[in-house]
Amino acid sequence: VQLQASGGGLVQAGGSLRLSCTTSGFTFTSYTMAWFRQAPGKEREFVSAIIWGAGETWYADSVKGRFAISRNNAESTVFLQMNSLKPEDTAIYYCAAGWRETRYRDSRKYEYWGQGTQVTVSS
């Protein structure tokens, strides 16, 4: 199983980034995919999830209206479009996969994790 996150970088406040997480080694369509993030000195927190099957999407209040999660089942890839970025969005962003998981906010429910990609937003 592999999850490879990419697309992070340095951007000014108000800018945009698009994260990608390419996966292999498991049945992608049967997995809820999510993004979590961890800022220095803080705990890992839920950002967004797209539920397996129907593809329902969920967001943390802090990113709602600015971020959009999507998935391409044919390419086993999940994306996170991040717009109107703020300095407080600075963190390492991780993608995660949970088999048919609906408890999307709980990081303990995800079996597989990517290595993370750094997002830095300057003010």
Protein backbone atom coordinates (compact mmCIF):
# COMPACT_ATOMS: atom_id res chain seq x y z
CA VAL A 1 0.00 0.00 0.00
CA GLN A 2 1.25 3.44 -0.94
CA LEU A 3 -0.12 6.93 -0.51
CA GLN A 4 1.97 9.70 -2.01
CA ALA A 5 1.00 13.26 -1.17
CA SER A 6 2.27 16.13 -3.28
CA GLY A 7 1.51 19.71 -4.24
CA GLY A 8 2.56 21.54 -1.11
CA GLY A 9 4.73 24.60 -1.15
CA LEU A 10 5.15 28.20 -0.12
CA VAL A 11 2.37 30.61 -1.02
CA GLN A 12 1.30 34.08 0.03
CA ALA A 13 -1.85 34.64 2.01
CA GLY A 14 -4.83 34.66 -0.32
CA GLY A 15 -3.18 32.27 -2.73
CA SER A 16 -4.10 28.76 -3.77
CA LEU A 17 -2.58 25.31 -3.83
CA ARG A 18 -3.84 21.96 -5.03
CA LEU A 19 -2.73 18.89 -3.13
CA SER A 20 -2.80 15.44 -4.68
CA CYS A 21 -2.58 12.02 -3.09
CA THR A 22 -1.89 9.17 -5.46
CA THR A 23 -2.53 5.71 -4.09
CA SER A 24 -1.93 2.08 -4.90
CA GLY A 25 -2.21 -1.31 -3.31
CA PHE A 26 -5.79 -1.23 -2.08
CA THR A 27 -9.31 -1.00 -3.49
CA PHE A 28 -9.56 2.77 -3.66
CA THR A 29 -13.31 2.88 -4.28
CA SER A 30 -13.99 1.09 -0.98
CA TYR A 31 -12.11 3.65 1.08
CA THR A 32 -13.07 6.95 2.58
CA MET A 33 -10.27 9.38 1.80
CA ALA A 34 -9.35 12.28 4.03
CA TRP A 35 -6.88 15.05 4.60
CA PHE A 36 -5.51 15.88 8.02
CA ARG A 37 -2.94 18.47 8.96
CA GLN A 38 -0.48 19.07 11.74
CA ALA A 39 1.06 22.41 12.58
CA PRO A 40 4.21 22.70 14.70
CA GLY A 41 3.43 22.11 18.36
CA LYS A 42 -0.17 21.14 17.66
CA GLU A 43 -2.08 17.92 17.36
CA ARG A 44 -3.06 16.47 14.03
CA GLU A 45 -6.48 17.77 13.01
CA PHE A 46 -9.14 16.82 10.52
CA VAL A 47 -9.39 18.96 7.40
CA SER A 48 -11.68 17.23 4.92
CA ALA A 49 -13.03 13.84 3.90
CA ILE A 50 -14.80 12.30 0.95
CA ILE A 51 -16.83 9.25 1.85
CA TRP A 52 -16.50 6.01 -0.08
CA GLY A 53 -19.40 5.13 -2.38
CA ALA A 54 -21.67 8.17 -2.65
CA GLY A 55 -18.78 10.60 -2.33
CA GLU A 56 -20.29 12.83 0.33
CA THR A 57 -17.83 15.51 1.42
CA TRP A 58 -17.13 16.98 4.84
CA TYR A 59 -14.97 19.85 6.02
CA ALA A 60 -13.60 21.32 9.19
CA ASP A 61 -15.27 24.62 10.00
CA SER A 62 -11.93 26.39 9.62
CA VAL A 63 -11.66 25.50 5.92
CA LYS A 64 -15.29 25.35 4.86
CA GLY A 65 -15.92 27.50 1.82
CA ARG A 66 -12.21 27.73 0.99
CA PHE A 67 -11.14 24.11 0.45
CA ALA A 68 -12.64 21.48 -1.82
CA ILE A 69 -11.94 17.76 -1.75
CA SER A 70 -12.47 15.50 -4.74
CA ARG A 71 -11.48 12.07 -5.92
CA ASN A 72 -10.74 10.38 -9.22
CA ASN A 73 -11.58 6.73 -8.74
CA ALA A 74 -10.18 5.77 -12.14
CA GLU A 75 -6.77 7.11 -11.10
CA SER A 76 -7.03 6.22 -7.38
CA THR A 77 -6.22 9.79 -6.50
CA VAL A 78 -7.70 12.28 -4.07
CA PHE A 79 -7.27 16.04 -4.34
CA LEU A 80 -7.56 19.01 -2.03
CA GLN A 81 -8.04 22.37 -3.70
CA MET A 82 -7.10 25.08 -1.23
CA ASN A 83 -8.11 28.66 -1.97
CA SER A 84 -7.90 31.89 0.02
CA LEU A 85 -5.10 30.44 2.07
CA LYS A 86 -4.30 31.94 5.45
CA PRO A 87 -1.13 31.80 7.55
CA GLU A 88 -2.98 29.58 10.01
CA ASP A 89 -3.30 26.96 7.27
CA THR A 90 0.46 26.39 7.52
CA ALA A 91 1.02 22.74 8.40
CA ILE A 92 2.06 19.38 7.08
CA TYR A 93 -0.88 17.92 5.22
CA TYR A 94 -1.45 14.17 5.28
CA CYS A 95 -3.79 12.06 3.20
CA ALA A 96 -5.39 9.02 4.78
CA ALA A 97 -7.53 6.07 3.75
CA GLY A 98 -10.13 4.27 5.87
CA TRP A 99 -11.99 1.18 4.68
CA ARG A 100 -15.68 2.06 4.27
CA GLU A 101 -15.24 4.49 7.12
CA THR A 102 -17.95 6.95 8.08
CA ARG A 103 -16.37 8.25 11.29
CA TYR A 104 -14.35 10.55 9.12
CA ARG A 105 -13.11 13.01 11.76
CA ASP A 106 -11.35 10.38 13.87
CA SER A 107 -7.79 9.88 12.68
CA ARG A 108 -7.63 6.54 14.51
CA LYS A 109 -10.12 5.09 12.03
CA TYR A 110 -7.79 5.41 9.05
CA GLU A 111 -5.57 2.45 8.23
CA TYR A 112 -3.27 3.99 5.68
CA TRP A 113 -1.41 7.29 5.68
CA GLY A 114 0.73 9.21 3.26
CA GLN A 115 4.04 10.81 4.18
CA GLY A 116 2.76 14.37 4.26
CA THR A 117 3.40 17.49 2.22
CA GLN A 118 4.38 20.84 3.69
CA VAL A 119 2.14 23.85 3.12
CA THR A 120 3.48 27.22 4.21
CA VAL A 121 1.40 30.38 3.90
CA SER A 122 3.21 33.67 4.39
CA SER A 123 1.46 36.80 5.58
